[in-house]
PDB file of N, CA and C in Angstrom:
ATOM      1  N   MET A   1       0.819  -1.204   0.000  1.00  0.00           N
ATOM      2  CA  MET A   1       0.000   0.000   0.000  1.00  0.00           C
ATOM      3  C   MET A   1       0.857   1.260   0.000  1.00  0.00           C
ATOM      4  N   LYS A   2       1.950   1.262   0.766  1.00  0.00           N
ATOM      5  CA  LYS A   2       2.830   2.420   0.805  1.00  0.00           C
ATOM      6  C   LYS A   2       3.454   2.673  -0.564  1.00  0.00           C
ATOM      7  N   PHE A   3       3.801   1.577  -1.258  1.00  0.00           N
ATOM      8  CA  PHE A   3       4.405   1.720  -2.567  1.00  0.00           C
ATOM      9  C   PHE A   3       3.414   2.351  -3.548  1.00  0.00           C
ATOM     10  N   GLN A   4       2.156   1.963  -3.493  1.00  0.00           N
ATOM     11  CA  GLN A   4       1.145   2.516  -4.401  1.00  0.00           C
ATOM     12  C   GLN A   4       0.918   4.008  -4.122  1.00  0.00           C
ATOM     13  N   ALA A   5       0.885   4.383  -2.865  1.00  0.00           N
ATOM     14  CA  ALA A   5       0.696   5.787  -2.519  1.00  0.00           C
ATOM     15  C   ALA A   5       1.904   6.614  -2.971  1.00  0.00           C
ATOM     16  N   LEU A   6       3.103   6.090  -2.780  1.00  0.00           N
ATOM     17  CA  LEU A   6       4.308   6.784  -3.218  1.00  0.00           C
ATOM     18  C   LEU A   6       4.335   6.916  -4.736  1.00  0.00           C
ATOM     19  N   PHE A   7       3.954   5.856  -5.429  1.00  0.00           N
ATOM     20  CA  PHE A   7       3.902   5.880  -6.892  1.00  0.00           C
ATOM     21  C   PHE A   7       2.886   6.915  -7.377  1.00  0.00           C
ATOM     22  N   PHE A   8       1.736   6.965  -6.720  1.00  0.00           N
ATOM     23  CA  PHE A   8       0.700   7.934  -7.101  1.00  0.00           C
ATOM     24  C   PHE A   8       1.189   9.367  -6.892  1.00  0.00           C
ATOM     25  N   LEU A   9       1.839   9.642  -5.778  1.00  0.00           N
ATOM     26  CA  LEU A   9       2.362  10.983  -5.510  1.00  0.00           C
ATOM     27  C   LEU A   9       3.455  11.370  -6.512  1.00  0.00           C
ATOM     28  N   LEU A  10       4.301  10.417  -6.855  1.00  0.00           N
ATOM     29  CA  LEU A  10       5.343  10.675  -7.834  1.00  0.00           C
ATOM     30  C   LEU A  10       4.747  10.968  -9.207  1.00  0.00           C
ATOM     31  N   LEU A  11       3.741  10.228  -9.591  1.00  0.00           N
ATOM     32  CA  LEU A  11       3.054  10.442 -10.860  1.00  0.00           C
ATOM     33  C   LEU A  11       2.373  11.807 -10.878  1.00  0.00           C
ATOM     34  N   LEU A  12       1.736  12.175  -9.792  1.00  0.00           N
ATOM     35  CA  LEU A  12       1.072  13.469  -9.675  1.00  0.00           C
ATOM     36  C   LEU A  12       2.084  14.613  -9.770  1.00  0.00           C
ATOM     37  N   ALA A  13       3.226  14.470  -9.130  1.00  0.00           N
ATOM     38  CA  ALA A  13       4.264  15.503  -9.186  1.00  0.00           C
ATOM     39  C   ALA A  13       4.789  15.667 -10.610  1.00  0.00           C
ATOM     40  N   CYS A  14       4.981  14.582 -11.326  1.00  0.00           N
ATOM     41  CA  CYS A  14       5.461  14.659 -12.714  1.00  0.00           C
ATOM     42  C   CYS A  14       4.435  15.344 -13.606  1.00  0.00           C
ATOM     43  N   MET A  15       3.171  15.089 -13.387  1.00  0.00           N
ATOM     44  CA  MET A  15       2.124  15.724 -14.187  1.00  0.00           C
ATOM     45  C   MET A  15       2.084  17.227 -13.928  1.00  0.00           C
ATOM     46  N   CYS A  16       2.228  17.624 -12.688  1.00  0.00           N
ATOM     47  CA  CYS A  16       2.227  19.061 -12.354  1.00  0.00           C
ATOM     48  C   CYS A  16       3.408  19.774 -12.998  1.00  0.00           C
ATOM     49  N   LEU A  17       4.581  19.157 -12.983  1.00  0.00           N
ATOM     50  CA  LEU A  17       5.756  19.766 -13.601  1.00  0.00           C
ATOM     51  C   LEU A  17       5.593  19.898 -15.110  1.00  0.00           C
ATOM     52  N   SER A  18       5.007  18.907 -15.736  1.00  0.00           N
ATOM     53  CA  SER A  18       4.838  18.979 -17.197  1.00  0.00           C
ATOM     54  C   SER A  18       3.810  20.039 -17.572  1.00  0.00           C
ATOM     55  N   LEU A  19       2.800  20.247 -16.760  1.00  0.00           N
ATOM     56  CA  LEU A  19       1.821  21.300 -17.034  1.00  0.00           C
ATOM     57  C   LEU A  19       2.430  22.677 -16.832  1.00  0.00           C
ATOM     58  N   ALA A  20       3.277  22.826 -15.841  1.00  0.00           N
ATOM     59  CA  ALA A  20       3.910  24.119 -15.566  1.00  0.00           C
ATOM     60  C   ALA A  20       4.856  24.514 -16.684  1.00  0.00           C
ATOM     61  N   GLN A  21       5.518  23.554 -17.311  1.00  0.00           N
ATOM     62  CA  GLN A  21       6.449  23.869 -18.391  1.00  0.00           C
ATOM     63  C   GLN A  21       5.723  24.413 -19.603  1.00  0.00           C
ATOM     64  N   GLY A  22       4.498  24.057 -19.812  1.00  0.00           N
ATOM     65  CA  GLY A  22       3.748  24.517 -20.965  1.00  0.00           C
ATOM     66  C   GLY A  22       3.151  25.897 -20.789  1.00  0.00           C
ATOM     67  N   SER A  23       3.318  26.506 -19.638  1.00  0.00           N
ATOM     68  CA  SER A  23       2.670  27.784 -19.379  1.00  0.00           C
ATOM     69  C   SER A  23       3.572  28.994 -19.643  1.00  0.00           C
ATOM     70  N   TYR A  24       4.771  28.793 -20.164  1.00  0.00           N
ATOM     71  CA  TYR A  24       5.646  29.928 -20.460  1.00  0.00           C
ATOM     72  C   TYR A  24       5.077  30.739 -21.614  1.00  0.00           C
ATOM     73  N   GLU A  25       5.201  32.040 -21.506  1.00  0.00           N
ATOM     74  CA  GLU A  25       4.715  32.923 -22.550  1.00  0.00           C
ATOM     75  C   GLU A  25       5.829  33.187 -23.551  1.00  0.00           C
ATOM     76  N   ASN A  26       5.456  33.703 -24.685  1.00  0.00           N
ATOM     77  CA  ASN A  26       6.426  34.087 -25.699  1.00  0.00           C
ATOM     78  C   ASN A  26       6.856  35.514 -25.400  1.00  0.00           C
ATOM     79  N   CYS A  27       7.936  35.665 -24.647  1.00  0.00           N
ATOM     80  CA  CYS A  27       8.365  36.973 -24.159  1.00  0.00           C
ATOM     81  C   CYS A  27       9.678  37.407 -24.781  1.00  0.00           C
ATOM     82  N   CYS A  28       9.821  38.720 -24.914  1.00  0.00           N
ATOM     83  CA  CYS A  28      11.097  39.312 -25.319  1.00  0.00           C
ATOM     84  C   CYS A  28      12.026  39.318 -24.112  1.00  0.00           C
ATOM     85  N   LEU A  29      13.273  38.982 -24.354  1.00  0.00           N
ATOM     86  CA  LEU A  29      14.256  38.997 -23.287  1.00  0.00           C
ATOM     87  C   LEU A  29      15.257  40.134 -23.435  1.00  0.00           C
ATOM     88  N   LYS A  30      15.356  40.683 -24.661  1.00  0.00           N
ATOM     89  CA  LYS A  30      16.265  41.806 -24.899  1.00  0.00           C
ATOM     90  C   LYS A  30      15.758  42.601 -26.096  1.00  0.00           C
ATOM     91  N   TYR A  31      16.321  43.790 -26.267  1.00  0.00           N
ATOM     92  CA  TYR A  31      15.919  44.697 -27.335  1.00  0.00           C
ATOM     93  C   TYR A  31      16.961  44.734 -28.448  1.00  0.00           C
ATOM     94  N   VAL A  32      16.508  45.072 -29.651  1.00  0.00           N
ATOM     95  CA  VAL A  32      17.437  45.436 -30.719  1.00  0.00           C
ATOM     96  C   VAL A  32      17.744  46.927 -30.555  1.00  0.00           C
ATOM     97  N   THR A  33      18.893  47.343 -31.028  1.00  0.00           N
ATOM     98  CA  THR A  33      19.270  48.750 -30.889  1.00  0.00           C
ATOM     99  C   THR A  33      18.812  49.580 -32.078  1.00  0.00           C
ATOM    100  N   GLY A  34      18.488  48.939 -33.164  1.00  0.00           N
ATOM    101  CA  GLY A  34      18.016  49.643 -34.353  1.00  0.00           C
ATOM    102  C   GLY A  34      17.708  48.645 -35.455  1.00  0.00           C
ATOM    103  N   LEU A  35      17.070  49.130 -36.505  1.00  0.00           N
ATOM    104  CA  LEU A  35      16.738  48.287 -37.651  1.00  0.00           C
ATOM    105  C   LEU A  35      17.184  48.987 -38.929  1.00  0.00           C
ATOM    106  N   LYS A  36      17.711  48.207 -39.849  1.00  0.00           N
ATOM    107  CA  LYS A  36      18.093  48.747 -41.150  1.00  0.00           C
ATOM    108  C   LYS A  36      16.833  49.034 -41.960  1.00  0.00           C
ATOM    109  N   LYS A  37      16.972  49.910 -42.924  1.00  0.00           N
ATOM    110  CA  LYS A  37      15.835  50.343 -43.735  1.00  0.00           C
ATOM    111  C   LYS A  37      15.175  49.175 -44.463  1.00  0.00           C
ATOM    112  N   ASN A  38      15.980  48.263 -45.010  1.00  0.00           N
ATOM    113  CA  ASN A  38      15.393  47.129 -45.725  1.00  0.00           C
ATOM    114  C   ASN A  38      14.685  46.154 -44.783  1.00  0.00           C
ATOM    115  N   VAL A  39      15.102  46.095 -43.537  1.00  0.00           N
ATOM    116  CA  VAL A  39      14.422  45.240 -42.552  1.00  0.00           C
ATOM    117  C   VAL A  39      13.105  45.892 -42.135  1.00  0.00           C
ATOM    118  N   LYS A  40      13.108  47.205 -42.017  1.00  0.00           N
ATOM    119  CA  LYS A  40      11.890  47.923 -41.629  1.00  0.00           C
ATOM    120  C   LYS A  40      10.765  47.718 -42.627  1.00  0.00           C
ATOM    121  N   ARG A  41      11.121  47.547 -43.897  1.00  0.00           N
ATOM    122  CA  ARG A  41      10.102  47.328 -44.926  1.00  0.00           C
ATOM    123  C   ARG A  41       9.329  46.030 -44.710  1.00  0.00           C
ATOM    124  N   ASN A  42       9.918  45.091 -43.998  1.00  0.00           N
ATOM    125  CA  ASN A  42       9.290  43.788 -43.776  1.00  0.00           C
ATOM    126  C   ASN A  42       8.338  43.764 -42.586  1.00  0.00           C
ATOM    127  N   ALA A  43       8.243  44.846 -41.838  1.00  0.00           N
ATOM    128  CA  ALA A  43       7.362  44.881 -40.664  1.00  0.00           C
ATOM    129  C   ALA A  43       5.905  44.908 -41.112  1.00  0.00           C
ATOM    130  N   MET A  44       5.116  44.000 -40.560  1.00  0.00           N
ATOM    131  CA  MET A  44       3.700  43.911 -40.913  1.00  0.00           C
ATOM    132  C   MET A  44       2.801  44.484 -39.826  1.00  0.00           C
ATOM    133  N   SER A  45       3.155  44.252 -38.578  1.00  0.00           N
ATOM    134  CA  SER A  45       2.342  44.720 -37.451  1.00  0.00           C
ATOM    135  C   SER A  45       3.212  44.719 -36.192  1.00  0.00           C
ATOM    136  N   TYR A  46       2.606  45.104 -35.089  1.00  0.00           N
ATOM    137  CA  TYR A  46       3.313  45.073 -33.818  1.00  0.00           C
ATOM    138  C   TYR A  46       2.313  44.854 -32.691  1.00  0.00           C
ATOM    139  N   ARG A  47       2.853  44.455 -31.544  1.00  0.00           N
ATOM    140  CA  ARG A  47       2.040  44.319 -30.334  1.00  0.00           C
ATOM    141  C   ARG A  47       2.868  44.831 -29.167  1.00  0.00           C
ATOM    142  N   LYS A  48       2.176  45.193 -28.104  1.00  0.00           N
ATOM    143  CA  LYS A  48       2.849  45.680 -26.903  1.00  0.00           C
ATOM    144  C   LYS A  48       2.970  44.541 -25.903  1.00  0.00           C
ATOM    145  N   GLN A  49       4.161  44.363 -25.366  1.00  0.00           N
ATOM    146  CA  GLN A  49       4.400  43.381 -24.314  1.00  0.00           C
ATOM    147  C   GLN A  49       4.491  44.134 -22.997  1.00  0.00           C
ATOM    148  N   GLU A  50       3.657  43.757 -22.056  1.00  0.00           N
ATOM    149  CA  GLU A  50       3.676  44.380 -20.725  1.00  0.00           C
ATOM    150  C   GLU A  50       4.462  43.497 -19.766  1.00  0.00           C
ATOM    151  N   THR A  51       4.762  44.024 -18.600  1.00  0.00           N
ATOM    152  CA  THR A  51       5.544  43.269 -17.624  1.00  0.00           C
ATOM    153  C   THR A  51       4.681  42.370 -16.740  1.00  0.00           C
ATOM    154  N   ASP A  52       3.392  42.314 -17.000  1.00  0.00           N
ATOM    155  CA  ASP A  52       2.544  41.424 -16.205  1.00  0.00           C
ATOM    156  C   ASP A  52       2.722  39.984 -16.682  1.00  0.00           C
ATOM    157  N   GLY A  53       2.315  39.049 -15.875  1.00  0.00           N
ATOM    158  CA  GLY A  53       2.456  37.643 -16.254  1.00  0.00           C
ATOM    159  C   GLY A  53       3.894  37.181 -16.162  1.00  0.00           C
ATOM    160  N   GLY A  54       4.343  36.446 -17.168  1.00  0.00           N
ATOM    161  CA  GLY A  54       5.688  35.886 -17.138  1.00  0.00           C
ATOM    162  C   GLY A  54       6.742  36.722 -17.828  1.00  0.00           C
ATOM    163  N   CYS A  55       6.396  37.868 -18.355  1.00  0.00           N
ATOM    164  CA  CYS A  55       7.354  38.692 -19.093  1.00  0.00           C
ATOM    165  C   CYS A  55       7.984  39.728 -18.169  1.00  0.00           C
ATOM    166  N   ASN A  56       9.305  39.878 -18.271  1.00  0.00           N
ATOM    167  CA  ASN A  56      10.038  40.733 -17.338  1.00  0.00           C
ATOM    168  C   ASN A  56      10.283  42.148 -17.838  1.00  0.00           C
ATOM    169  N   ILE A  57      10.172  42.382 -19.143  1.00  0.00           N
ATOM    170  CA  ILE A  57      10.452  43.718 -19.666  1.00  0.00           C
ATOM    171  C   ILE A  57       9.301  44.182 -20.549  1.00  0.00           C
ATOM    172  N   LYS A  58       9.105  45.514 -20.571  1.00  0.00           N
ATOM    173  CA  LYS A  58       8.165  46.099 -21.520  1.00  0.00           C
ATOM    174  C   LYS A  58       8.841  46.100 -22.875  1.00  0.00           C
ATOM    175  N   ALA A  59       8.080  45.837 -23.918  1.00  0.00           N
ATOM    176  CA  ALA A  59       8.664  45.824 -25.256  1.00  0.00           C
ATOM    177  C   ALA A  59       7.587  46.043 -26.296  1.00  0.00           C
ATOM    178  N   ILE A  60       8.029  46.487 -27.463  1.00  0.00           N
ATOM    179  CA  ILE A  60       7.197  46.498 -28.649  1.00  0.00           C
ATOM    180  C   ILE A  60       7.715  45.355 -29.510  1.00  0.00           C
ATOM    181  N   VAL A  61       6.832  44.426 -29.851  1.00  0.00           N
ATOM    182  CA  VAL A  61       7.210  43.257 -30.631  1.00  0.00           C
ATOM    183  C   VAL A  61       6.698  43.448 -32.051  1.00  0.00           C
ATOM    184  N   PHE A  62       7.615  43.686 -32.974  1.00  0.00           N
ATOM    185  CA  PHE A  62       7.255  43.863 -34.372  1.00  0.00           C
ATOM    186  C   PHE A  62       7.206  42.499 -35.043  1.00  0.00           C
ATOM    187  N   LYS A  63       6.110  42.245 -35.742  1.00  0.00           N
ATOM    188  CA  LYS A  63       5.971  41.001 -36.489  1.00  0.00           C
ATOM    189  C   LYS A  63       6.400  41.276 -37.921  1.00  0.00           C
ATOM    190  N   MET A  64       7.384  40.514 -38.369  1.00  0.00           N
ATOM    191  CA  MET A  64       7.932  40.698 -39.704  1.00  0.00           C
ATOM    192  C   MET A  64       7.351  39.636 -40.644  1.00  0.00           C
ATOM    193  N   LYS A  65       7.610  39.815 -41.917  1.00  0.00           N
ATOM    194  CA  LYS A  65       7.217  38.797 -42.892  1.00  0.00           C
ATOM    195  C   LYS A  65       7.949  37.509 -42.557  1.00  0.00           C
ATOM    196  N   LYS A  66       7.366  36.403 -42.934  1.00  0.00           N
ATOM    197  CA  LYS A  66       7.899  35.062 -42.665  1.00  0.00           C
ATOM    198  C   LYS A  66       7.852  34.707 -41.187  1.00  0.00           C
ATOM    199  N   GLY A  67       7.069  35.447 -40.378  1.00  0.00           N
ATOM    200  CA  GLY A  67       6.833  35.083 -38.990  1.00  0.00           C
ATOM    201  C   GLY A  67       7.897  35.482 -37.984  1.00  0.00           C
ATOM    202  N   LYS A  68       8.951  36.119 -38.415  1.00  0.00           N
ATOM    203  CA  LYS A  68      10.003  36.538 -37.485  1.00  0.00           C
ATOM    204  C   LYS A  68       9.494  37.686 -36.624  1.00  0.00           C
ATOM    205  N   THR A  69      10.000  37.781 -35.393  1.00  0.00           N
ATOM    206  CA  THR A  69       9.645  38.889 -34.511  1.00  0.00           C
ATOM    207  C   THR A  69      10.902  39.626 -34.078  1.00  0.00           C
ATOM    208  N   VAL A  70      10.743  40.925 -33.847  1.00  0.00           N
ATOM    209  CA  VAL A  70      11.840  41.780 -33.398  1.00  0.00           C
ATOM    210  C   VAL A  70      11.339  42.573 -32.202  1.00  0.00           C
ATOM    211  N   CYS A  71      12.106  42.590 -31.129  1.00  0.00           N
ATOM    212  CA  CYS A  71      11.717  43.282 -29.900  1.00  0.00           C
ATOM    213  C   CYS A  71      12.473  44.595 -29.768  1.00  0.00           C
ATOM    214  N   ALA A  72      11.749  45.646 -29.408  1.00  0.00           N
ATOM    215  CA  ALA A  72      12.352  46.968 -29.282  1.00  0.00           C
ATOM    216  C   ALA A  72      11.869  47.657 -28.008  1.00  0.00           C
ATOM    217  N   ASP A  73      12.683  48.588 -27.543  1.00  0.00           N
ATOM    218  CA  ASP A  73      12.389  49.347 -26.324  1.00  0.00           C
ATOM    219  C   ASP A  73      11.299  50.387 -26.618  1.00  0.00           C
ATOM    220  N   PRO A  74      10.147  50.314 -25.936  1.00  0.00           N
ATOM    221  CA  PRO A  74       9.055  51.244 -26.225  1.00  0.00           C
ATOM    222  C   PRO A  74       9.352  52.695 -25.844  1.00  0.00           C
ATOM    223  N   ASP A  75      10.380  52.938 -25.054  1.00  0.00           N
ATOM    224  CA  ASP A  75      10.720  54.297 -24.641  1.00  0.00           C
ATOM    225  C   ASP A  75      11.614  55.031 -25.642  1.00  0.00           C
ATOM    226  N   LYS A  76      12.149  54.321 -26.616  1.00  0.00           N
ATOM    227  CA  LYS A  76      13.039  54.935 -27.606  1.00  0.00           C
ATOM    228  C   LYS A  76      12.239  55.665 -28.667  1.00  0.00           C
ATOM    229  N   LYS A  77      12.743  56.804 -29.092  1.00  0.00           N
ATOM    230  CA  LYS A  77      12.061  57.642 -30.086  1.00  0.00           C
ATOM    231  C   LYS A  77      11.918  56.923 -31.429  1.00  0.00           C
ATOM    232  N   TRP A  78      12.964  56.217 -31.865  1.00  0.00           N
ATOM    233  CA  TRP A  78      12.890  55.553 -33.163  1.00  0.00           C
ATOM    234  C   TRP A  78      11.824  54.471 -33.167  1.00  0.00           C
ATOM    235  N   VAL A  79      11.589  53.840 -32.020  1.00  0.00           N
ATOM    236  CA  VAL A  79      10.565  52.791 -31.930  1.00  0.00           C
ATOM    237  C   VAL A  79       9.175  53.416 -32.051  1.00  0.00           C
ATOM    238  N   GLN A  80       8.963  54.531 -31.357  1.00  0.00           N
ATOM    239  CA  GLN A  80       7.665  55.219 -31.434  1.00  0.00           C
ATOM    240  C   GLN A  80       7.399  55.723 -32.848  1.00  0.00           C
ATOM    241  N   ASP A  81       8.422  56.250 -33.503  1.00  0.00           N
ATOM    242  CA  ASP A  81       8.275  56.699 -34.884  1.00  0.00           C
ATOM    243  C   ASP A  81       7.977  55.526 -35.816  1.00  0.00           C
ATOM    244  N   PHE A  82       8.644  54.424 -35.583  1.00  0.00           N
ATOM    245  CA  PHE A  82       8.435  53.246 -36.430  1.00  0.00           C
ATOM    246  C   PHE A  82       7.034  52.660 -36.233  1.00  0.00           C
ATOM    247  N   MET A  83       6.519  52.723 -35.003  1.00  0.00           N
ATOM    248  CA  MET A  83       5.144  52.264 -34.756  1.00  0.00           C
ATOM    249  C   MET A  83       4.160  53.095 -35.583  1.00  0.00           C
ATOM    250  N   LEU A  84       4.350  54.409 -35.612  1.00  0.00           N
ATOM    251  CA  LEU A  84       3.492  55.281 -36.424  1.00  0.00           C
ATOM    252  C   LEU A  84       3.613  54.951 -37.905  1.00  0.00           C
ATOM    253  N   GLU A  85       4.836  54.669 -38.346  1.00  0.00           N
ATOM    254  CA  GLU A  85       5.067  54.302 -39.741  1.00  0.00           C
ATOM    255  C   GLU A  85       4.326  53.014 -40.105  1.00  0.00           C
ATOM    256  N   VAL A  86       4.390  52.019 -39.226  1.00  0.00           N
ATOM    257  CA  VAL A  86       3.668  50.759 -39.466  1.00  0.00           C
ATOM    258  C   VAL A  86       2.168  50.988 -39.465  1.00  0.00           C
ATOM    259  N   ASP A  87       1.672  51.798 -38.526  1.00  0.00           N
ATOM    260  CA  ASP A  87       0.250  52.122 -38.493  1.00  0.00           C
ATOM    261  C   ASP A  87      -0.201  52.801 -39.789  1.00  0.00           C
ATOM    262  N   ASN A  88       0.566  53.778 -40.246  1.00  0.00           N
ATOM    263  CA  ASN A  88       0.219  54.492 -41.483  1.00  0.00           C
ATOM    264  C   ASN A  88       0.271  53.560 -42.694  1.00  0.00           C
ATOM    265  N   ARG A  89       1.260  52.697 -42.735  1.00  0.00           N
ATOM    266  CA  ARG A  89       1.379  51.748 -43.841  1.00  0.00           C
ATOM    267  C   ARG A  89       0.165  50.810 -43.887  1.00  0.00           C
ATOM    268  N   ASN A  90      -0.233  50.322 -42.712  1.00  0.00           N
ATOM    269  CA  ASN A  90      -1.382  49.417 -42.649  1.00  0.00           C
ATOM    270  C   ASN A  90      -2.701  50.148 -42.955  1.00  0.00           C
ATOM    271  N   LEU A  91      -2.788  51.408 -42.567  1.00  0.00           N
ATOM    272  CA  LEU A  91      -3.984  52.203 -42.840  1.00  0.00           C
ATOM    273  C   LEU A  91      -4.139  52.460 -44.336  1.00  0.00           C
ATOM    274  N   ASN A  92      -3.024  52.753 -44.988  1.00  0.00           N
ATOM    275  CA  ASN A  92      -3.046  53.000 -46.431  1.00  0.00           C
ATOM    276  C   ASN A  92      -3.291  51.725 -47.231  1.00  0.00           C
ATOM    277  N   ALA A  93      -2.880  50.586 -46.690  1.00  0.00           N
ATOM    278  CA  ALA A  93      -3.047  49.320 -47.406  1.00  0.00           C
ATOM    279  C   ALA A  93      -4.493  48.824 -47.321  1.00  0.00           C
ATOM    280  N   ALA A  94      -5.227  49.268 -46.316  1.00  0.00           N
ATOM    281  CA  ALA A  94      -6.591  48.775 -46.128  1.00  0.00           C
ATOM    282  C   ALA A  94      -7.602  49.455 -47.014  1.00  0.00           C
TER     283      ALA A  94
END
């Protein structure tokens, strides 16, 4: 009986660990310092990453063509200007 209870607890602990591993968010860990003009042309959209949940830094995550993402510091002037550029590009395309 002790062996069955120990086995059950071990199985339960393994299940909890496997569920916890699947809960990580897709977070930016560092920023780029700038983007080249030809890379900027590939930006399709962006989203804001907040520090709530599992993410440690605020960031603007630009989604590029082919699914690549680029993380930038939301406090930088070039990032704010680039966000406006992406917004205007998407507005004109619609």
